[in-house]
């Protein structure tokens, strides 16, 4: 997944960022990361 922000710089520092692992590391994205991230799945084949 790629995290996109349709309004660009709009409220950027409040929203924060998501790293390549899909986890929030700043702002709201970080504070609510456990809620936003979801539950990972597992596949073995």
ModelCIF file with pLDDT and N, C-alpha, C, O atoms, coordinates in Angstrom:
data_MODEL
#
_entry.id   MODEL 
#
_entity.id                         1 
_entity.type                       polymer 
_entity.pdbx_number_of_molecules   1 
#
_entity_poly.entity_id                      1 
_entity_poly.type                           'polypeptide(L)' 
_entity_poly.nstd_linkage                   no 
_entity_poly.nstd_monomer                   no 
_entity_poly.pdbx_seq_one_letter_code       
;(UNK)(UNK)(UNK)(UNK)(UNK)(UNK)(UNK)(UNK)(UNK)(UNK)(UNK)(UNK)(UNK)(UNK)(UNK)(UNK)
(UNK)(UNK)(UNK)(UNK)(UNK)(UNK)(UNK)(UNK)(UNK)(UNK)(UNK)(UNK)(UNK)(UNK)(UNK)(UNK)
(UNK)(UNK)(UNK)(UNK)(UNK)(UNK)(UNK)(UNK)(UNK)(UNK)(UNK)(UNK)(UNK)
;
_entity_poly.pdbx_seq_one_letter_code_can   XXXXXXXXXXXXXXXXXXXXXXXXXXXXXXXXXXXXXXXXXXXXX 
_entity_poly.pdbx_strand_id                 A 
#
loop_
_entity_poly_seq.entity_id 
_entity_poly_seq.num 
_entity_poly_seq.mon_id 
_entity_poly_seq.hetero 
1 1  UNK n 
1 2  UNK n 
1 3  UNK n 
1 4  UNK n 
1 5  UNK n 
1 6  UNK n 
1 7  UNK n 
1 8  UNK n 
1 9  UNK n 
1 10 UNK n 
1 11 UNK n 
1 12 UNK n 
1 13 UNK n 
1 14 UNK n 
1 15 UNK n 
1 16 UNK n 
1 17 UNK n 
1 18 UNK n 
1 19 UNK n 
1 20 UNK n 
1 21 UNK n 
1 22 UNK n 
1 23 UNK n 
1 24 UNK n 
1 25 UNK n 
1 26 UNK n 
1 27 UNK n 
1 28 UNK n 
1 29 UNK n 
1 30 UNK n 
1 31 UNK n 
1 32 UNK n 
1 33 UNK n 
1 34 UNK n 
1 35 UNK n 
1 36 UNK n 
1 37 UNK n 
1 38 UNK n 
1 39 UNK n 
1 40 UNK n 
1 41 UNK n 
1 42 UNK n 
1 43 UNK n 
1 44 UNK n 
1 45 UNK n 
#
_struct_asym.id          A 
_struct_asym.entity_id   1 
#
loop_
_ma_qa_metric.id 
_ma_qa_metric.mode 
_ma_qa_metric.name 
_ma_qa_metric.software_group_id 
_ma_qa_metric.type 
1 global pLDDT . pLDDT 
2 local  pLDDT . pLDDT 
#
_ma_qa_metric_global.metric_id      1 
_ma_qa_metric_global.metric_value   91.27 
_ma_qa_metric_global.model_id       1 
_ma_qa_metric_global.ordinal_id     1 
#
loop_
_ma_qa_metric_local.label_asym_id 
_ma_qa_metric_local.label_comp_id 
_ma_qa_metric_local.label_seq_id 
_ma_qa_metric_local.metric_id 
_ma_qa_metric_local.metric_value 
_ma_qa_metric_local.model_id 
_ma_qa_metric_local.ordinal_id 
A UNK 1  2 86.00 1 1  
A UNK 2  2 90.00 1 2  
A UNK 3  2 93.00 1 3  
A UNK 4  2 93.00 1 4  
A UNK 5  2 93.00 1 5  
A UNK 6  2 89.00 1 6  
A UNK 7  2 89.00 1 7  
A UNK 8  2 90.00 1 8  
A UNK 9  2 93.00 1 9  
A UNK 10 2 93.00 1 10 
A UNK 11 2 96.00 1 11 
A UNK 12 2 96.00 1 12 
A UNK 13 2 96.00 1 13 
A UNK 14 2 97.00 1 14 
A UNK 15 2 97.00 1 15 
A UNK 16 2 97.00 1 16 
A UNK 17 2 96.00 1 17 
A UNK 18 2 95.00 1 18 
A UNK 19 2 92.00 1 19 
A UNK 20 2 85.00 1 20 
A UNK 21 2 86.00 1 21 
A UNK 22 2 90.00 1 22 
A UNK 23 2 94.00 1 23 
A UNK 24 2 95.00 1 24 
A UNK 25 2 94.00 1 25 
A UNK 26 2 96.00 1 26 
A UNK 27 2 97.00 1 27 
A UNK 28 2 98.00 1 28 
A UNK 29 2 97.00 1 29 
A UNK 30 2 97.00 1 30 
A UNK 31 2 98.00 1 31 
A UNK 32 2 98.00 1 32 
A UNK 33 2 97.00 1 33 
A UNK 34 2 96.00 1 34 
A UNK 35 2 97.00 1 35 
A UNK 36 2 97.00 1 36 
A UNK 37 2 94.00 1 37 
A UNK 38 2 91.00 1 38 
A UNK 39 2 89.00 1 39 
A UNK 40 2 86.00 1 40 
A UNK 41 2 85.00 1 41 
A UNK 42 2 78.00 1 42 
A UNK 43 2 72.00 1 43 
A UNK 44 2 69.00 1 44 
A UNK 45 2 60.00 1 45 
#
loop_
_atom_site.group_PDB 
_atom_site.id 
_atom_site.type_symbol 
_atom_site.label_atom_id 
_atom_site.label_alt_id 
_atom_site.label_comp_id 
_atom_site.label_asym_id 
_atom_site.label_entity_id 
_atom_site.label_seq_id 
_atom_site.pdbx_PDB_ins_code 
_atom_site.Cartn_x 
_atom_site.Cartn_y 
_atom_site.Cartn_z 
_atom_site.occupancy 
_atom_site.B_iso_or_equiv 
_atom_site.pdbx_formal_charge 
_atom_site.auth_seq_id 
_atom_site.auth_comp_id 
_atom_site.auth_asym_id 
_atom_site.auth_atom_id 
_atom_site.pdbx_PDB_model_num 
ATOM 1   N N  . UNK A 1 1  ? 0.846  -1.190  0.000  1.00 86.00 ? 1  UNK A N  1 
ATOM 2   C CA . UNK A 1 1  ? 0.000  0.000   0.000  1.00 86.00 ? 1  UNK A CA 1 
ATOM 3   C C  . UNK A 1 1  ? 0.883  1.242   0.000  1.00 86.00 ? 1  UNK A C  1 
ATOM 4   O O  . UNK A 1 1  ? 1.996  1.236   0.526  1.00 86.00 ? 1  UNK A O  1 
ATOM 5   N N  . UNK A 1 2  ? 0.365  2.294   -0.595 1.00 90.00 ? 2  UNK A N  1 
ATOM 6   C CA . UNK A 1 2  ? 1.040  3.592   -0.545 1.00 90.00 ? 2  UNK A CA 1 
ATOM 7   C C  . UNK A 1 2  ? 0.090  4.578   0.125  1.00 90.00 ? 2  UNK A C  1 
ATOM 8   O O  . UNK A 1 2  ? -1.073 4.698   -0.258 1.00 90.00 ? 2  UNK A O  1 
ATOM 9   N N  . UNK A 1 3  ? 0.601  5.275   1.122  1.00 93.00 ? 3  UNK A N  1 
ATOM 10  C CA . UNK A 1 3  ? -0.217 6.258   1.828  1.00 93.00 ? 3  UNK A CA 1 
ATOM 11  C C  . UNK A 1 3  ? -0.190 7.559   1.047  1.00 93.00 ? 3  UNK A C  1 
ATOM 12  O O  . UNK A 1 3  ? 0.879  8.101   0.765  1.00 93.00 ? 3  UNK A O  1 
ATOM 13  N N  . UNK A 1 4  ? -1.360 8.057   0.701  1.00 93.00 ? 4  UNK A N  1 
ATOM 14  C CA . UNK A 1 4  ? -1.448 9.303   -0.059 1.00 93.00 ? 4  UNK A CA 1 
ATOM 15  C C  . UNK A 1 4  ? -2.326 10.298  0.691  1.00 93.00 ? 4  UNK A C  1 
ATOM 16  O O  . UNK A 1 4  ? -3.231 9.923   1.436  1.00 93.00 ? 4  UNK A O  1 
ATOM 17  N N  . UNK A 1 5  ? -2.036 11.552  0.477  1.00 93.00 ? 5  UNK A N  1 
ATOM 18  C CA . UNK A 1 5  ? -2.738 12.650  1.146  1.00 93.00 ? 5  UNK A CA 1 
ATOM 19  C C  . UNK A 1 5  ? -3.269 13.576  0.051  1.00 93.00 ? 5  UNK A C  1 
ATOM 20  O O  . UNK A 1 5  ? -2.532 14.419  -0.461 1.00 93.00 ? 5  UNK A O  1 
ATOM 21  N N  . UNK A 1 6  ? -4.542 13.423  -0.306 1.00 89.00 ? 6  UNK A N  1 
ATOM 22  C CA . UNK A 1 6  ? -5.092 14.120  -1.471 1.00 89.00 ? 6  UNK A CA 1 
ATOM 23  C C  . UNK A 1 6  ? -4.941 15.633  -1.439 1.00 89.00 ? 6  UNK A C  1 
ATOM 24  O O  . UNK A 1 6  ? -4.893 16.266  -2.493 1.00 89.00 ? 6  UNK A O  1 
ATOM 25  N N  . UNK A 1 7  ? -4.864 16.234  -0.237 1.00 89.00 ? 7  UNK A N  1 
ATOM 26  C CA . UNK A 1 7  ? -4.768 17.687  -0.147 1.00 89.00 ? 7  UNK A CA 1 
ATOM 27  C C  . UNK A 1 7  ? -3.332 18.171  0.002  1.00 89.00 ? 7  UNK A C  1 
ATOM 28  O O  . UNK A 1 7  ? -3.099 19.334  0.329  1.00 89.00 ? 7  UNK A O  1 
ATOM 29  N N  . UNK A 1 8  ? -2.376 17.290  -0.234 1.00 90.00 ? 8  UNK A N  1 
ATOM 30  C CA . UNK A 1 8  ? -0.976 17.700  -0.231 1.00 90.00 ? 8  UNK A CA 1 
ATOM 31  C C  . UNK A 1 8  ? -0.493 18.152  1.134  1.00 90.00 ? 8  UNK A C  1 
ATOM 32  O O  . UNK A 1 8  ? -0.518 17.381  2.093  1.00 90.00 ? 8  UNK A O  1 
ATOM 33  N N  . UNK A 1 9  ? -0.049 19.414  1.225  1.00 93.00 ? 9  UNK A N  1 
ATOM 34  C CA . UNK A 1 9  ? 0.536  19.948  2.454  1.00 93.00 ? 9  UNK A CA 1 
ATOM 35  C C  . UNK A 1 9  ? -0.514 20.316  3.506  1.00 93.00 ? 9  UNK A C  1 
ATOM 36  O O  . UNK A 1 9  ? -0.164 20.724  4.614  1.00 93.00 ? 9  UNK A O  1 
ATOM 37  N N  . UNK A 1 10 ? -1.758 20.179  3.174  1.00 93.00 ? 10 UNK A N  1 
ATOM 38  C CA . UNK A 1 10 ? -2.873 20.570  4.033  1.00 93.00 ? 10 UNK A CA 1 
ATOM 39  C C  . UNK A 1 10 ? -2.813 19.836  5.376  1.00 93.00 ? 10 UNK A C  1 
ATOM 40  O O  . UNK A 1 10 ? -2.933 18.612  5.417  1.00 93.00 ? 10 UNK A O  1 
ATOM 41  N N  . UNK A 1 11 ? -2.627 20.580  6.476  1.00 96.00 ? 11 UNK A N  1 
ATOM 42  C CA . UNK A 1 11 ? -2.578 20.010  7.834  1.00 96.00 ? 11 UNK A CA 1 
ATOM 43  C C  . UNK A 1 11 ? -1.533 18.911  7.957  1.00 96.00 ? 11 UNK A C  1 
ATOM 44  O O  . UNK A 1 11 ? -1.706 17.962  8.721  1.00 96.00 ? 11 UNK A O  1 
ATOM 45  N N  . UNK A 1 12 ? -0.454 19.044  7.206  1.00 96.00 ? 12 UNK A N  1 
ATOM 46  C CA . UNK A 1 12 ? 0.532  17.964  7.102  1.00 96.00 ? 12 UNK A CA 1 
ATOM 47  C C  . UNK A 1 12 ? 1.140  17.565  8.440  1.00 96.00 ? 12 UNK A C  1 
ATOM 48  O O  . UNK A 1 12 ? 1.199  16.378  8.760  1.00 96.00 ? 12 UNK A O  1 
ATOM 49  N N  . UNK A 1 13 ? 1.592  18.539  9.227  1.00 96.00 ? 13 UNK A N  1 
ATOM 50  C CA . UNK A 1 13 ? 2.281  18.198  10.469 1.00 96.00 ? 13 UNK A CA 1 
ATOM 51  C C  . UNK A 1 13 ? 1.336  17.582  11.494 1.00 96.00 ? 13 UNK A C  1 
ATOM 52  O O  . UNK A 1 13 ? 1.782  16.825  12.356 1.00 96.00 ? 13 UNK A O  1 
ATOM 53  N N  . UNK A 1 14 ? 0.059  17.886  11.423 1.00 97.00 ? 14 UNK A N  1 
ATOM 54  C CA . UNK A 1 14 ? -0.917 17.277  12.324 1.00 97.00 ? 14 UNK A CA 1 
ATOM 55  C C  . UNK A 1 14 ? -1.183 15.826  11.918 1.00 97.00 ? 14 UNK A C  1 
ATOM 56  O O  . UNK A 1 14 ? -1.287 14.948  12.774 1.00 97.00 ? 14 UNK A O  1 
ATOM 57  N N  . UNK A 1 15 ? -1.291 15.578  10.619 1.00 97.00 ? 15 UNK A N  1 
ATOM 58  C CA . UNK A 1 15 ? -1.571 14.227  10.134 1.00 97.00 ? 15 UNK A CA 1 
ATOM 59  C C  . UNK A 1 15 ? -0.387 13.303  10.353 1.00 97.00 ? 15 UNK A C  1 
ATOM 60  O O  . UNK A 1 15 ? -0.562 12.159  10.774 1.00 97.00 ? 15 UNK A O  1 
ATOM 61  N N  . UNK A 1 16 ? 0.831  13.789  10.069 1.00 97.00 ? 16 UNK A N  1 
ATOM 62  C CA . UNK A 1 16 ? 2.019  12.959  10.228 1.00 97.00 ? 16 UNK A CA 1 
ATOM 63  C C  . UNK A 1 16 ? 2.306  12.137  8.992  1.00 97.00 ? 16 UNK A C  1 
ATOM 64  O O  . UNK A 1 16 ? 1.837  12.465  7.902  1.00 97.00 ? 16 UNK A O  1 
ATOM 65  N N  . UNK A 1 17 ? 3.074  11.066  9.152  1.00 96.00 ? 17 UNK A N  1 
ATOM 66  C CA . UNK A 1 17 ? 3.500  10.250  8.015  1.00 96.00 ? 17 UNK A CA 1 
ATOM 67  C C  . UNK A 1 17 ? 3.418  8.768   8.353  1.00 96.00 ? 17 UNK A C  1 
ATOM 68  O O  . UNK A 1 17 ? 3.329  8.378   9.518  1.00 96.00 ? 17 UNK A O  1 
ATOM 69  N N  . UNK A 1 18 ? 3.449  7.947   7.294  1.00 95.00 ? 18 UNK A N  1 
ATOM 70  C CA . UNK A 1 18 ? 3.467  6.494   7.418  1.00 95.00 ? 18 UNK A CA 1 
ATOM 71  C C  . UNK A 1 18 ? 4.711  5.974   6.719  1.00 95.00 ? 18 UNK A C  1 
ATOM 72  O O  . UNK A 1 18 ? 4.984  6.364   5.584  1.00 95.00 ? 18 UNK A O  1 
ATOM 73  N N  . UNK A 1 19 ? 5.477  5.094   7.378  1.00 92.00 ? 19 UNK A N  1 
ATOM 74  C CA . UNK A 1 19 ? 6.707  4.599   6.770  1.00 92.00 ? 19 UNK A CA 1 
ATOM 75  C C  . UNK A 1 19 ? 6.416  3.468   5.789  1.00 92.00 ? 19 UNK A C  1 
ATOM 76  O O  . UNK A 1 19 ? 5.262  3.093   5.580  1.00 92.00 ? 19 UNK A O  1 
ATOM 77  N N  . UNK A 1 20 ? 7.471  2.932   5.193  1.00 85.00 ? 20 UNK A N  1 
ATOM 78  C CA . UNK A 1 20 ? 7.287  1.908   4.166  1.00 85.00 ? 20 UNK A CA 1 
ATOM 79  C C  . UNK A 1 20 ? 6.751  0.598   4.732  1.00 85.00 ? 20 UNK A C  1 
ATOM 80  O O  . UNK A 1 20 ? 6.215  -0.231  3.996  1.00 85.00 ? 20 UNK A O  1 
ATOM 81  N N  . UNK A 1 21 ? 6.896  0.416   6.034  1.00 86.00 ? 21 UNK A N  1 
ATOM 82  C CA . UNK A 1 21 ? 6.342  -0.785  6.663  1.00 86.00 ? 21 UNK A CA 1 
ATOM 83  C C  . UNK A 1 21 ? 4.853  -0.643  6.953  1.00 86.00 ? 21 UNK A C  1 
ATOM 84  O O  . UNK A 1 21 ? 4.218  -1.567  7.462  1.00 86.00 ? 21 UNK A O  1 
ATOM 85  N N  . UNK A 1 22 ? 4.302  0.530   6.621  1.00 90.00 ? 22 UNK A N  1 
ATOM 86  C CA . UNK A 1 22 ? 2.875  0.738   6.818  1.00 90.00 ? 22 UNK A CA 1 
ATOM 87  C C  . UNK A 1 22 ? 2.493  1.237   8.191  1.00 90.00 ? 22 UNK A C  1 
ATOM 88  O O  . UNK A 1 22 ? 1.314  1.232   8.544  1.00 90.00 ? 22 UNK A O  1 
ATOM 89  N N  . UNK A 1 23 ? 3.476  1.672   8.982  1.00 94.00 ? 23 UNK A N  1 
ATOM 90  C CA . UNK A 1 23 ? 3.193  2.158   10.333 1.00 94.00 ? 23 UNK A CA 1 
ATOM 91  C C  . UNK A 1 23 ? 3.354  3.674   10.405 1.00 94.00 ? 23 UNK A C  1 
ATOM 92  O O  . UNK A 1 23 ? 4.261  4.242   9.797  1.00 94.00 ? 23 UNK A O  1 
ATOM 93  N N  . UNK A 1 24 ? 2.462  4.321   11.156 1.00 95.00 ? 24 UNK A N  1 
ATOM 94  C CA . UNK A 1 24 ? 2.566  5.747   11.381 1.00 95.00 ? 24 UNK A CA 1 
ATOM 95  C C  . UNK A 1 24 ? 3.721  6.053   12.316 1.00 95.00 ? 24 UNK A C  1 
ATOM 96  O O  . UNK A 1 24 ? 3.908  5.368   13.322 1.00 95.00 ? 24 UNK A O  1 
ATOM 97  N N  . UNK A 1 25 ? 4.495  7.073   11.992 1.00 94.00 ? 25 UNK A N  1 
ATOM 98  C CA . UNK A 1 25 ? 5.663  7.406   12.819 1.00 94.00 ? 25 UNK A CA 1 
ATOM 99  C C  . UNK A 1 25 ? 5.627  8.849   13.312 1.00 94.00 ? 25 UNK A C  1 
ATOM 100 O O  . UNK A 1 25 ? 6.492  9.248   14.092 1.00 94.00 ? 25 UNK A O  1 
ATOM 101 N N  . UNK A 1 26 ? 4.659  9.632   12.881 1.00 96.00 ? 26 UNK A N  1 
ATOM 102 C CA . UNK A 1 26 ? 4.516  11.003  13.355 1.00 96.00 ? 26 UNK A CA 1 
ATOM 103 C C  . UNK A 1 26 ? 3.032  11.369  13.357 1.00 96.00 ? 26 UNK A C  1 
ATOM 104 O O  . UNK A 1 26 ? 2.229  10.745  12.663 1.00 96.00 ? 26 UNK A O  1 
ATOM 105 N N  . UNK A 1 27 ? 2.676  12.392  14.146 1.00 97.00 ? 27 UNK A N  1 
ATOM 106 C CA . UNK A 1 27 ? 1.341  12.973  14.121 1.00 97.00 ? 27 UNK A CA 1 
ATOM 107 C C  . UNK A 1 27 ? 0.228  12.009  14.509 1.00 97.00 ? 27 UNK A C  1 
ATOM 108 O O  . UNK A 1 27 ? 0.429  11.069  15.278 1.00 97.00 ? 27 UNK A O  1 
ATOM 109 N N  . UNK A 1 28 ? -0.957 12.273  13.949 1.00 98.00 ? 28 UNK A N  1 
ATOM 110 C CA . UNK A 1 28 ? -2.121 11.408  14.198 1.00 98.00 ? 28 UNK A CA 1 
ATOM 111 C C  . UNK A 1 28 ? -1.853 9.992   13.706 1.00 98.00 ? 28 UNK A C  1 
ATOM 112 O O  . UNK A 1 28 ? -2.275 9.024   14.338 1.00 98.00 ? 28 UNK A O  1 
ATOM 113 N N  . UNK A 1 29 ? -1.155 9.867   12.585 1.00 97.00 ? 29 UNK A N  1 
ATOM 114 C CA . UNK A 1 29 ? -0.838 8.547   12.030 1.00 97.00 ? 29 UNK A CA 1 
ATOM 115 C C  . UNK A 1 29 ? -0.083 7.697   13.053 1.00 97.00 ? 29 UNK A C  1 
ATOM 116 O O  . UNK A 1 29 ? -0.289 6.485   13.126 1.00 97.00 ? 29 UNK A O  1 
ATOM 117 N N  . UNK A 1 30 ? 0.777  8.318   13.830 1.00 97.00 ? 30 UNK A N  1 
ATOM 118 C CA . UNK A 1 30 ? 1.549  7.590   14.834 1.00 97.00 ? 30 UNK A CA 1 
ATOM 119 C C  . UNK A 1 30 ? 0.727  7.324   16.090 1.00 97.00 ? 30 UNK A C  1 
ATOM 120 O O  . UNK A 1 30 ? 0.699  6.200   16.592 1.00 97.00 ? 30 UNK A O  1 
ATOM 121 N N  . UNK A 1 31 ? 0.061  8.351   16.594 1.00 98.00 ? 31 UNK A N  1 
ATOM 122 C CA . UNK A 1 31 ? -0.690 8.219   17.851 1.00 98.00 ? 31 UNK A CA 1 
ATOM 123 C C  . UNK A 1 31 ? -1.765 7.140   17.739 1.00 98.00 ? 31 UNK A C  1 
ATOM 124 O O  . UNK A 1 31 ? -1.982 6.381   18.683 1.00 98.00 ? 31 UNK A O  1 
ATOM 125 N N  . UNK A 1 32 ? -2.434 7.069   16.598 1.00 98.00 ? 32 UNK A N  1 
ATOM 126 C CA . UNK A 1 32 ? -3.520 6.101   16.398 1.00 98.00 ? 32 UNK A CA 1 
ATOM 127 C C  . UNK A 1 32 ? -3.094 4.946   15.489 1.00 98.00 ? 32 UNK A C  1 
ATOM 128 O O  . UNK A 1 32 ? -3.928 4.345   14.811 1.00 98.00 ? 32 UNK A O  1 
ATOM 129 N N  . UNK A 1 33 ? -1.789 4.636   15.477 1.00 97.00 ? 33 UNK A N  1 
ATOM 130 C CA . UNK A 1 33 ? -1.286 3.615   14.551 1.00 97.00 ? 33 UNK A CA 1 
ATOM 131 C C  . UNK A 1 33 ? -1.930 2.253   14.783 1.00 97.00 ? 33 UNK A C  1 
ATOM 132 O O  . UNK A 1 33 ? -2.284 1.573   13.820 1.00 97.00 ? 33 UNK A O  1 
ATOM 133 N N  . UNK A 1 34 ? -2.089 1.841   16.038 1.00 96.00 ? 34 UNK A N  1 
ATOM 134 C CA . UNK A 1 34 ? -2.668 0.524   16.307 1.00 96.00 ? 34 UNK A CA 1 
ATOM 135 C C  . UNK A 1 34 ? -4.097 0.427   15.788 1.00 96.00 ? 34 UNK A C  1 
ATOM 136 O O  . UNK A 1 34 ? -4.533 -0.640  15.356 1.00 96.00 ? 34 UNK A O  1 
ATOM 137 N N  . UNK A 1 35 ? -4.817 1.527   15.828 1.00 97.00 ? 35 UNK A N  1 
ATOM 138 C CA . UNK A 1 35 ? -6.201 1.540   15.359 1.00 97.00 ? 35 UNK A CA 1 
ATOM 139 C C  . UNK A 1 35 ? -6.262 1.567   13.838 1.00 97.00 ? 35 UNK A C  1 
ATOM 140 O O  . UNK A 1 35 ? -7.082 0.882   13.228 1.00 97.00 ? 35 UNK A O  1 
ATOM 141 N N  . UNK A 1 36 ? -5.388 2.362   13.235 1.00 97.00 ? 36 UNK A N  1 
ATOM 142 C CA . UNK A 1 36 ? -5.393 2.511   11.776 1.00 97.00 ? 36 UNK A CA 1 
ATOM 143 C C  . UNK A 1 36 ? -4.764 1.315   11.064 1.00 97.00 ? 36 UNK A C  1 
ATOM 144 O O  . UNK A 1 36 ? -5.184 0.957   9.964  1.00 97.00 ? 36 UNK A O  1 
ATOM 145 N N  . UNK A 1 37 ? -3.757 0.697   11.688 1.00 94.00 ? 37 UNK A N  1 
ATOM 146 C CA . UNK A 1 37 ? -2.971 -0.329  10.987 1.00 94.00 ? 37 UNK A CA 1 
ATOM 147 C C  . UNK A 1 37 ? -3.772 -1.588  10.691 1.00 94.00 ? 37 UNK A C  1 
ATOM 148 O O  . UNK A 1 37 ? -3.645 -2.155  9.606  1.00 94.00 ? 37 UNK A O  1 
ATOM 149 N N  . UNK A 1 38 ? -4.583 -2.028  11.622 1.00 91.00 ? 38 UNK A N  1 
ATOM 150 C CA . UNK A 1 38 ? -5.321 -3.267  11.414 1.00 91.00 ? 38 UNK A CA 1 
ATOM 151 C C  . UNK A 1 38 ? -4.560 -4.468  11.950 1.00 91.00 ? 38 UNK A C  1 
ATOM 152 O O  . UNK A 1 38 ? -3.557 -4.315  12.646 1.00 91.00 ? 38 UNK A O  1 
ATOM 153 N N  . UNK A 1 39 ? -5.038 -5.665  11.625 1.00 89.00 ? 39 UNK A N  1 
ATOM 154 C CA . UNK A 1 39 ? -4.418 -6.907  12.090 1.00 89.00 ? 39 UNK A CA 1 
ATOM 155 C C  . UNK A 1 39 ? -3.766 -7.622  10.915 1.00 89.00 ? 39 UNK A C  1 
ATOM 156 O O  . UNK A 1 39 ? -4.450 -7.976  9.955  1.00 89.00 ? 39 UNK A O  1 
ATOM 157 N N  . UNK A 1 40 ? -2.440 -7.842  10.974 1.00 86.00 ? 40 UNK A N  1 
ATOM 158 C CA . UNK A 1 40 ? -1.761 -8.534  9.872  1.00 86.00 ? 40 UNK A CA 1 
ATOM 159 C C  . UNK A 1 40 ? -2.250 -9.974  9.733  1.00 86.00 ? 40 UNK A C  1 
ATOM 160 O O  . UNK A 1 40 ? -2.668 -10.600 10.707 1.00 86.00 ? 40 UNK A O  1 
ATOM 161 N N  . UNK A 1 41 ? -2.191 -10.477 8.518  1.00 85.00 ? 41 UNK A N  1 
ATOM 162 C CA . UNK A 1 41 ? -2.514 -11.872 8.266  1.00 85.00 ? 41 UNK A CA 1 
ATOM 163 C C  . UNK A 1 41 ? -1.249 -12.683 8.069  1.00 85.00 ? 41 UNK A C  1 
ATOM 164 O O  . UNK A 1 41 ? -0.142 -12.151 8.157  1.00 85.00 ? 41 UNK A O  1 
ATOM 165 N N  . UNK A 1 42 ? -1.412 -13.974 7.801  1.00 78.00 ? 42 UNK A N  1 
ATOM 166 C CA . UNK A 1 42 ? -0.263 -14.867 7.634  1.00 78.00 ? 42 UNK A CA 1 
ATOM 167 C C  . UNK A 1 42 ? -0.583 -15.879 6.554  1.00 78.00 ? 42 UNK A C  1 
ATOM 168 O O  . UNK A 1 42 ? -1.694 -16.404 6.476  1.00 78.00 ? 42 UNK A O  1 
ATOM 169 N N  . UNK A 1 43 ? 0.416  -16.144 5.721  1.00 72.00 ? 43 UNK A N  1 
ATOM 170 C CA . UNK A 1 43 ? 0.234  -17.134 4.663  1.00 72.00 ? 43 UNK A CA 1 
ATOM 171 C C  . UNK A 1 43 ? 1.484  -17.998 4.581  1.00 72.00 ? 43 UNK A C  1 
ATOM 172 O O  . UNK A 1 43 ? 2.600  -17.484 4.510  1.00 72.00 ? 43 UNK A O  1 
ATOM 173 N N  . UNK A 1 44 ? 1.290  -19.305 4.591  1.00 69.00 ? 44 UNK A N  1 
ATOM 174 C CA . UNK A 1 44 ? 2.397  -20.249 4.459  1.00 69.00 ? 44 UNK A CA 1 
ATOM 175 C C  . UNK A 1 44 ? 2.066  -21.194 3.318  1.00 69.00 ? 44 UNK A C  1 
ATOM 176 O O  . UNK A 1 44 ? 1.013  -21.831 3.323  1.00 69.00 ? 44 UNK A O  1 
ATOM 177 N N  . UNK A 1 45 ? 2.960  -21.289 2.337  1.00 60.00 ? 45 UNK A N  1 
ATOM 178 C CA . UNK A 1 45 ? 2.691  -22.163 1.205  1.00 60.00 ? 45 UNK A CA 1 
ATOM 179 C C  . UNK A 1 45 ? 4.000  -22.700 0.638  1.00 60.00 ? 45 UNK A C  1 
ATOM 180 O O  . UNK A 1 45 ? 3.988  -23.461 -0.329 1.00 60.00 ? 45 UNK A O  1 
#
